N, C-alpha and C. Protein backbone atom coordinates (compact mmCIF):
# COMPACT_ATOMS: atom_id res chain seq x y z
N MET A 1 118.15 70.35 97.08
CA MET A 1 118.25 70.79 98.45
C MET A 1 117.12 70.18 99.26
N GLN A 2 117.43 69.79 100.48
CA GLN A 2 116.41 69.31 101.40
C GLN A 2 116.53 70.09 102.71
N ILE A 3 115.41 70.18 103.42
CA ILE A 3 115.41 70.81 104.73
C ILE A 3 114.96 69.77 105.73
N LYS A 4 115.72 69.65 106.79
CA LYS A 4 115.41 68.66 107.81
C LYS A 4 115.47 69.29 109.19
N LYS A 5 114.76 68.69 110.13
CA LYS A 5 114.84 69.11 111.52
C LYS A 5 116.15 68.55 112.05
N ALA A 6 116.96 69.40 112.62
CA ALA A 6 118.28 69.00 113.08
C ALA A 6 118.19 68.13 114.33
N THR A 7 119.17 67.27 114.48
CA THR A 7 119.29 66.39 115.65
C THR A 7 120.67 66.59 116.25
N SER A 8 120.96 65.84 117.29
CA SER A 8 122.27 65.95 117.94
C SER A 8 123.41 65.62 116.98
N ARG A 9 123.15 64.88 115.94
CA ARG A 9 124.19 64.57 114.95
C ARG A 9 124.57 65.79 114.11
N ASP A 10 123.75 66.83 114.16
CA ASP A 10 123.98 68.01 113.32
C ASP A 10 124.61 69.18 114.07
N VAL A 11 124.99 68.97 115.33
CA VAL A 11 125.49 70.08 116.16
C VAL A 11 126.63 70.82 115.49
N GLN A 12 127.64 70.10 115.01
CA GLN A 12 128.82 70.77 114.45
C GLN A 12 128.46 71.61 113.23
N HIS A 13 127.60 71.10 112.37
CA HIS A 13 127.17 71.87 111.19
C HIS A 13 126.42 73.12 111.62
N LEU A 14 125.53 72.98 112.58
CA LEU A 14 124.78 74.14 113.07
C LEU A 14 125.71 75.18 113.66
N VAL A 15 126.64 74.74 114.47
CA VAL A 15 127.57 75.68 115.12
C VAL A 15 128.39 76.44 114.09
N GLN A 16 128.85 75.76 113.07
CA GLN A 16 129.63 76.43 112.02
C GLN A 16 128.79 77.50 111.31
N LEU A 17 127.55 77.18 110.99
CA LEU A 17 126.68 78.16 110.33
C LEU A 17 126.30 79.29 111.28
N MET A 18 126.01 78.96 112.54
CA MET A 18 125.66 79.98 113.52
C MET A 18 126.82 80.95 113.74
N HIS A 19 128.03 80.42 113.73
CA HIS A 19 129.20 81.28 113.93
C HIS A 19 129.37 82.28 112.79
N ARG A 20 128.93 81.91 111.61
CA ARG A 20 128.97 82.86 110.48
C ARG A 20 127.97 83.99 110.70
N LEU A 21 126.81 83.66 111.30
CA LEU A 21 125.80 84.67 111.57
C LEU A 21 126.20 85.53 112.77
N TRP A 22 126.74 84.90 113.80
CA TRP A 22 127.13 85.59 115.03
C TRP A 22 128.62 85.37 115.28
N PRO A 23 129.50 86.03 114.51
CA PRO A 23 130.94 85.77 114.60
C PRO A 23 131.56 86.13 115.95
N ASP A 24 130.92 86.98 116.73
CA ASP A 24 131.48 87.34 118.04
C ASP A 24 131.19 86.28 119.10
N ALA A 25 130.29 85.36 118.82
CA ALA A 25 129.96 84.31 119.78
C ALA A 25 131.00 83.20 119.69
N PRO A 26 131.63 82.86 120.81
CA PRO A 26 132.61 81.75 120.78
C PRO A 26 131.93 80.44 120.37
N MET A 27 132.63 79.67 119.57
CA MET A 27 132.06 78.42 119.07
C MET A 27 131.74 77.46 120.20
N THR A 28 132.52 77.49 121.28
CA THR A 28 132.23 76.61 122.41
C THR A 28 130.89 76.98 123.04
N GLU A 29 130.58 78.27 123.12
CA GLU A 29 129.30 78.70 123.67
C GLU A 29 128.15 78.32 122.74
N LEU A 30 128.35 78.51 121.44
CA LEU A 30 127.32 78.12 120.48
C LEU A 30 127.05 76.62 120.56
N SER A 31 128.11 75.85 120.66
CA SER A 31 127.96 74.40 120.75
C SER A 31 127.17 74.00 122.00
N ALA A 32 127.50 74.62 123.13
CA ALA A 32 126.78 74.32 124.37
C ALA A 32 125.31 74.74 124.25
N GLU A 33 125.06 75.89 123.62
CA GLU A 33 123.69 76.38 123.44
C GLU A 33 122.88 75.41 122.58
N VAL A 34 123.45 74.95 121.49
CA VAL A 34 122.74 74.04 120.59
C VAL A 34 122.47 72.71 121.29
N ARG A 35 123.47 72.18 121.96
CA ARG A 35 123.29 70.90 122.67
C ARG A 35 122.19 71.01 123.73
N LEU A 36 122.20 72.09 124.49
CA LEU A 36 121.18 72.30 125.52
C LEU A 36 119.81 72.49 124.87
N GLY A 37 119.75 73.28 123.81
CA GLY A 37 118.48 73.51 123.12
C GLY A 37 117.87 72.24 122.59
N LEU A 38 118.69 71.39 122.01
CA LEU A 38 118.20 70.12 121.47
C LEU A 38 117.75 69.17 122.58
N ARG A 39 118.54 69.11 123.65
CA ARG A 39 118.20 68.22 124.77
C ARG A 39 116.92 68.64 125.47
N SER A 40 116.77 69.96 125.64
CA SER A 40 115.63 70.47 126.41
C SER A 40 114.37 70.58 125.56
N ASP A 41 114.53 70.48 124.25
CA ASP A 41 113.42 70.65 123.32
C ASP A 41 112.84 72.06 123.38
N LYS A 42 113.66 73.03 123.82
CA LYS A 42 113.21 74.43 123.88
C LYS A 42 113.58 75.18 122.61
N MET A 43 114.55 74.69 121.90
CA MET A 43 114.95 75.26 120.62
C MET A 43 114.79 74.20 119.56
N HIS A 44 114.42 74.65 118.39
CA HIS A 44 114.24 73.75 117.26
C HIS A 44 115.07 74.30 116.12
N TYR A 45 115.83 73.44 115.52
CA TYR A 45 116.75 73.85 114.46
C TYR A 45 116.40 73.13 113.17
N PHE A 46 116.41 73.87 112.10
CA PHE A 46 116.16 73.31 110.79
C PHE A 46 117.39 73.58 109.94
N LEU A 47 117.82 72.57 109.22
CA LEU A 47 119.05 72.63 108.46
C LEU A 47 118.75 72.42 106.98
N ALA A 48 119.23 73.34 106.15
CA ALA A 48 119.12 73.20 104.70
C ALA A 48 120.41 72.53 104.21
N VAL A 49 120.24 71.45 103.45
CA VAL A 49 121.38 70.68 103.00
C VAL A 49 121.29 70.47 101.50
N ALA A 50 122.37 70.81 100.81
CA ALA A 50 122.51 70.46 99.40
C ALA A 50 123.54 69.32 99.40
N ASP A 51 124.71 69.54 98.87
CA ASP A 51 125.78 68.55 99.02
C ASP A 51 126.34 68.63 100.44
N GLU A 52 126.17 69.79 101.05
CA GLU A 52 126.61 70.05 102.42
C GLU A 52 125.62 71.03 103.04
N PRO A 53 125.68 71.25 104.35
CA PRO A 53 124.77 72.21 104.98
C PRO A 53 124.99 73.62 104.42
N ILE A 54 123.88 74.27 104.04
CA ILE A 54 123.99 75.60 103.42
C ILE A 54 123.18 76.66 104.17
N GLY A 55 122.44 76.26 105.19
CA GLY A 55 121.68 77.25 105.94
C GLY A 55 120.98 76.63 107.12
N PHE A 56 120.54 77.49 108.03
CA PHE A 56 119.80 77.01 109.19
C PHE A 56 118.76 78.03 109.61
N CYS A 57 117.80 77.55 110.37
CA CYS A 57 116.80 78.39 111.02
C CYS A 57 116.66 77.89 112.45
N GLN A 58 116.73 78.80 113.40
CA GLN A 58 116.57 78.47 114.82
C GLN A 58 115.23 79.02 115.29
N LEU A 59 114.40 78.15 115.84
CA LEU A 59 113.04 78.50 116.22
C LEU A 59 112.81 78.20 117.70
N SER A 60 112.14 79.12 118.38
CA SER A 60 111.71 78.87 119.76
C SER A 60 110.22 79.14 119.86
N PHE A 61 109.65 78.73 120.96
CA PHE A 61 108.26 79.06 121.27
C PHE A 61 108.30 79.95 122.50
N ARG A 62 107.85 81.19 122.32
CA ARG A 62 107.91 82.16 123.42
C ARG A 62 106.54 82.28 124.09
N TYR A 63 106.60 82.30 125.41
CA TYR A 63 105.40 82.45 126.22
C TYR A 63 105.36 83.82 126.89
N ASP A 64 106.42 84.58 126.74
CA ASP A 64 106.47 85.93 127.30
C ASP A 64 106.07 86.94 126.22
N TYR A 65 106.23 88.20 126.50
CA TYR A 65 105.83 89.26 125.58
C TYR A 65 106.60 89.19 124.27
N VAL A 66 105.87 89.21 123.19
CA VAL A 66 106.45 89.31 121.84
C VAL A 66 105.73 90.47 121.16
N PRO A 67 106.48 91.51 120.76
CA PRO A 67 105.82 92.67 120.13
C PRO A 67 104.92 92.26 118.97
N GLY A 68 103.66 92.73 119.03
CA GLY A 68 102.70 92.48 117.97
C GLY A 68 101.93 91.18 118.08
N ALA A 69 102.38 90.27 118.94
CA ALA A 69 101.71 88.97 119.05
C ALA A 69 100.44 89.08 119.89
N THR A 70 99.46 88.27 119.53
CA THR A 70 98.19 88.30 120.25
C THR A 70 97.90 87.03 121.02
N GLY A 71 98.72 86.02 120.87
CA GLY A 71 98.50 84.76 121.56
C GLY A 71 99.80 84.13 121.99
N GLU A 72 99.67 83.01 122.67
CA GLU A 72 100.87 82.27 123.04
C GLU A 72 100.59 80.78 122.96
N PRO A 73 101.59 79.99 122.70
CA PRO A 73 102.94 80.46 122.46
C PRO A 73 103.07 81.11 121.08
N THR A 74 104.07 81.95 120.96
CA THR A 74 104.39 82.56 119.68
C THR A 74 105.67 81.91 119.17
N ALA A 75 105.64 81.38 117.98
CA ALA A 75 106.86 80.85 117.37
C ALA A 75 107.75 82.03 117.03
N PHE A 76 109.04 81.92 117.34
CA PHE A 76 109.95 83.04 117.14
C PHE A 76 111.21 82.54 116.44
N ILE A 77 111.53 83.19 115.33
CA ILE A 77 112.77 82.87 114.62
C ILE A 77 113.90 83.58 115.34
N GLU A 78 114.72 82.81 116.01
CA GLU A 78 115.85 83.36 116.77
C GLU A 78 117.04 83.67 115.87
N GLY A 79 117.13 82.95 114.77
CA GLY A 79 118.22 83.18 113.83
C GLY A 79 117.96 82.44 112.54
N ILE A 80 118.42 83.02 111.46
CA ILE A 80 118.33 82.37 110.15
C ILE A 80 119.54 82.81 109.35
N TYR A 81 120.14 81.85 108.65
CA TYR A 81 121.35 82.16 107.90
C TYR A 81 121.45 81.22 106.71
N VAL A 82 121.91 81.77 105.59
CA VAL A 82 122.18 81.00 104.37
C VAL A 82 123.54 81.44 103.85
N VAL A 83 124.37 80.48 103.46
CA VAL A 83 125.69 80.80 102.94
C VAL A 83 125.54 81.71 101.71
N ASP A 84 126.51 82.58 101.53
CA ASP A 84 126.44 83.58 100.46
C ASP A 84 126.15 82.99 99.08
N SER A 85 126.79 81.88 98.76
CA SER A 85 126.65 81.30 97.42
C SER A 85 125.25 80.78 97.14
N GLU A 86 124.42 80.61 98.17
CA GLU A 86 123.07 80.07 97.99
C GLU A 86 121.98 81.12 98.18
N ARG A 87 122.37 82.34 98.47
CA ARG A 87 121.37 83.38 98.66
C ARG A 87 120.69 83.70 97.33
N GLY A 88 119.40 83.97 97.40
CA GLY A 88 118.64 84.24 96.20
C GLY A 88 118.05 82.98 95.58
N ASN A 89 118.29 81.83 96.21
CA ASN A 89 117.79 80.55 95.71
C ASN A 89 116.63 80.01 96.54
N ALA A 90 115.97 80.86 97.29
CA ALA A 90 114.80 80.51 98.11
C ALA A 90 115.11 79.59 99.28
N VAL A 91 116.38 79.47 99.66
CA VAL A 91 116.74 78.61 100.79
C VAL A 91 116.13 79.16 102.08
N ALA A 92 116.32 80.44 102.34
CA ALA A 92 115.77 81.04 103.57
C ALA A 92 114.25 80.95 103.58
N THR A 93 113.63 81.21 102.45
CA THR A 93 112.17 81.10 102.37
C THR A 93 111.72 79.68 102.70
N ASN A 94 112.39 78.68 102.17
CA ASN A 94 112.04 77.29 102.46
C ASN A 94 112.29 76.94 103.92
N LEU A 95 113.35 77.48 104.50
CA LEU A 95 113.59 77.25 105.93
C LEU A 95 112.45 77.82 106.76
N VAL A 96 112.02 79.05 106.44
CA VAL A 96 110.93 79.68 107.19
C VAL A 96 109.63 78.92 106.98
N GLU A 97 109.37 78.47 105.78
CA GLU A 97 108.15 77.70 105.52
C GLU A 97 108.14 76.39 106.32
N THR A 98 109.28 75.73 106.41
CA THR A 98 109.38 74.50 107.20
C THR A 98 109.17 74.81 108.68
N ALA A 99 109.80 75.86 109.17
CA ALA A 99 109.62 76.26 110.57
C ALA A 99 108.17 76.64 110.85
N THR A 100 107.53 77.28 109.89
CA THR A 100 106.12 77.67 110.04
C THR A 100 105.22 76.44 110.17
N ARG A 101 105.43 75.45 109.32
CA ARG A 101 104.63 74.22 109.41
C ARG A 101 104.84 73.53 110.77
N PHE A 102 106.07 73.51 111.22
CA PHE A 102 106.37 72.90 112.52
C PHE A 102 105.68 73.67 113.64
N ALA A 103 105.75 75.00 113.59
CA ALA A 103 105.11 75.84 114.61
C ALA A 103 103.59 75.63 114.61
N ARG A 104 103.00 75.61 113.43
CA ARG A 104 101.55 75.40 113.32
C ARG A 104 101.16 74.04 113.91
N SER A 105 101.95 73.02 113.65
CA SER A 105 101.64 71.68 114.17
C SER A 105 101.82 71.60 115.67
N ASN A 106 102.47 72.61 116.25
CA ASN A 106 102.66 72.66 117.70
C ASN A 106 101.78 73.72 118.36
N GLY A 107 100.71 74.12 117.67
CA GLY A 107 99.72 75.00 118.27
C GLY A 107 99.95 76.49 118.15
N CYS A 108 100.95 76.90 117.42
CA CYS A 108 101.21 78.33 117.25
C CYS A 108 100.36 78.89 116.12
N THR A 109 99.90 80.12 116.31
CA THR A 109 99.11 80.79 115.28
C THR A 109 99.83 82.02 114.74
N GLU A 110 101.00 82.33 115.30
CA GLU A 110 101.78 83.47 114.82
C GLU A 110 103.26 83.12 114.82
N LEU A 111 103.96 83.71 113.86
CA LEU A 111 105.41 83.55 113.74
C LEU A 111 106.01 84.94 113.81
N ALA A 112 106.95 85.12 114.71
CA ALA A 112 107.59 86.43 114.90
C ALA A 112 109.09 86.31 114.63
N SER A 113 109.70 87.46 114.46
CA SER A 113 111.14 87.53 114.21
C SER A 113 111.58 88.95 114.50
N ASP A 114 112.87 89.17 114.52
CA ASP A 114 113.39 90.53 114.63
C ASP A 114 114.71 90.62 113.88
N THR A 115 115.17 91.84 113.72
CA THR A 115 116.46 92.07 113.07
C THR A 115 116.97 93.42 113.53
N GLU A 116 118.22 93.68 113.27
CA GLU A 116 118.81 94.96 113.64
C GLU A 116 118.25 96.08 112.76
N LEU A 117 118.20 97.29 113.31
CA LEU A 117 117.68 98.44 112.56
C LEU A 117 118.45 98.67 111.26
N GLU A 118 119.75 98.43 111.28
CA GLU A 118 120.56 98.71 110.09
C GLU A 118 120.60 97.54 109.10
N ASN A 119 120.00 96.41 109.43
CA ASN A 119 120.04 95.24 108.55
C ASN A 119 118.87 95.30 107.56
N THR A 120 119.02 96.18 106.59
CA THR A 120 117.93 96.39 105.63
C THR A 120 117.69 95.16 104.75
N GLY A 121 118.73 94.39 104.48
CA GLY A 121 118.54 93.17 103.68
C GLY A 121 117.61 92.19 104.39
N SER A 122 117.81 92.03 105.68
CA SER A 122 116.94 91.15 106.46
C SER A 122 115.53 91.71 106.53
N GLN A 123 115.41 93.01 106.69
CA GLN A 123 114.08 93.63 106.72
C GLN A 123 113.35 93.39 105.41
N GLN A 124 114.04 93.56 104.29
CA GLN A 124 113.41 93.34 102.99
C GLN A 124 113.00 91.88 102.82
N PHE A 125 113.84 90.95 103.27
CA PHE A 125 113.51 89.53 103.21
C PHE A 125 112.23 89.24 103.99
N HIS A 126 112.18 89.73 105.24
CA HIS A 126 111.01 89.49 106.08
C HIS A 126 109.73 90.01 105.41
N GLU A 127 109.80 91.21 104.89
CA GLU A 127 108.62 91.79 104.24
C GLU A 127 108.23 91.02 102.98
N ARG A 128 109.23 90.56 102.23
CA ARG A 128 108.97 89.82 100.98
C ARG A 128 108.24 88.51 101.25
N ILE A 129 108.50 87.88 102.40
CA ILE A 129 107.86 86.59 102.66
C ILE A 129 106.63 86.73 103.57
N GLY A 130 106.16 87.96 103.78
CA GLY A 130 104.87 88.14 104.43
C GLY A 130 104.87 88.67 105.85
N PHE A 131 106.04 88.93 106.43
CA PHE A 131 106.05 89.53 107.77
C PHE A 131 105.65 90.99 107.68
N LYS A 132 105.01 91.50 108.72
CA LYS A 132 104.64 92.91 108.84
C LYS A 132 105.40 93.51 110.01
N GLU A 133 106.00 94.66 109.78
CA GLU A 133 106.73 95.34 110.87
C GLU A 133 105.73 95.81 111.92
N VAL A 134 106.07 95.57 113.20
CA VAL A 134 105.17 95.97 114.28
C VAL A 134 105.83 96.93 115.28
N GLU A 135 107.15 97.05 115.25
CA GLU A 135 107.80 97.90 116.25
C GLU A 135 109.25 98.15 115.86
N ARG A 136 109.74 99.32 116.24
CA ARG A 136 111.17 99.64 116.13
C ARG A 136 111.61 100.13 117.49
N THR A 137 112.78 99.69 117.93
CA THR A 137 113.26 100.12 119.24
C THR A 137 114.73 100.47 119.19
N VAL A 138 115.12 101.30 120.10
CA VAL A 138 116.52 101.61 120.36
C VAL A 138 116.71 101.35 121.84
N HIS A 139 117.69 100.55 122.18
CA HIS A 139 117.93 100.18 123.57
C HIS A 139 119.07 101.00 124.14
N TYR A 140 118.98 101.35 125.42
CA TYR A 140 119.99 102.14 126.09
C TYR A 140 120.48 101.42 127.33
N ILE A 141 121.68 101.82 127.77
CA ILE A 141 122.19 101.34 129.05
C ILE A 141 123.02 102.45 129.67
N LYS A 142 122.96 102.52 130.95
CA LYS A 142 123.76 103.49 131.70
C LYS A 142 124.45 102.72 132.82
N LYS A 143 125.75 102.85 132.91
CA LYS A 143 126.49 102.21 134.00
C LYS A 143 126.22 102.98 135.28
N ILE A 144 125.92 102.28 136.32
CA ILE A 144 125.75 102.92 137.63
C ILE A 144 126.64 102.22 138.63
N SER A 145 127.09 102.96 139.58
CA SER A 145 127.95 102.41 140.62
C SER A 145 127.12 102.01 141.82
N ARG A 146 127.51 100.95 142.46
CA ARG A 146 126.83 100.53 143.68
C ARG A 146 127.15 101.46 144.84
N TYR A 147 128.18 102.29 144.68
CA TYR A 147 128.69 103.07 145.82
C TYR A 147 128.43 104.55 145.74
N GLU A 148 127.64 105.00 144.80
CA GLU A 148 127.35 106.44 144.71
C GLU A 148 126.20 106.81 145.58
């Protein structure tokens, strides 16, 4: 297995893997997001490849508030995914290590991430590779009418 920084030639592979992680996101939107991210250099994608692509990590540099962060920019893992058949083979760990080296070389001193409250597998993964939990939140919304 090798891990490489993705380029515009990897858009279709990234979109297919991203759609597995976020199945409610239309593939056309994911494709547009990846193309824009690569062109703008605001998103960085790392692709794990064996005989075929088996995982990805999406990284950004955030300059706004990141829970627990003390500096900026803060490298932020926006998404990470490994195909089921390759889980447990350190693919995700290697993706994060590659993203970490890239972030460090770009002046970041912290790496942040988040996951859903009910995603205990992701929480365990984060803790296993050295992340420390800094916050838990529940978000609310209330519909309001413009005419009340």
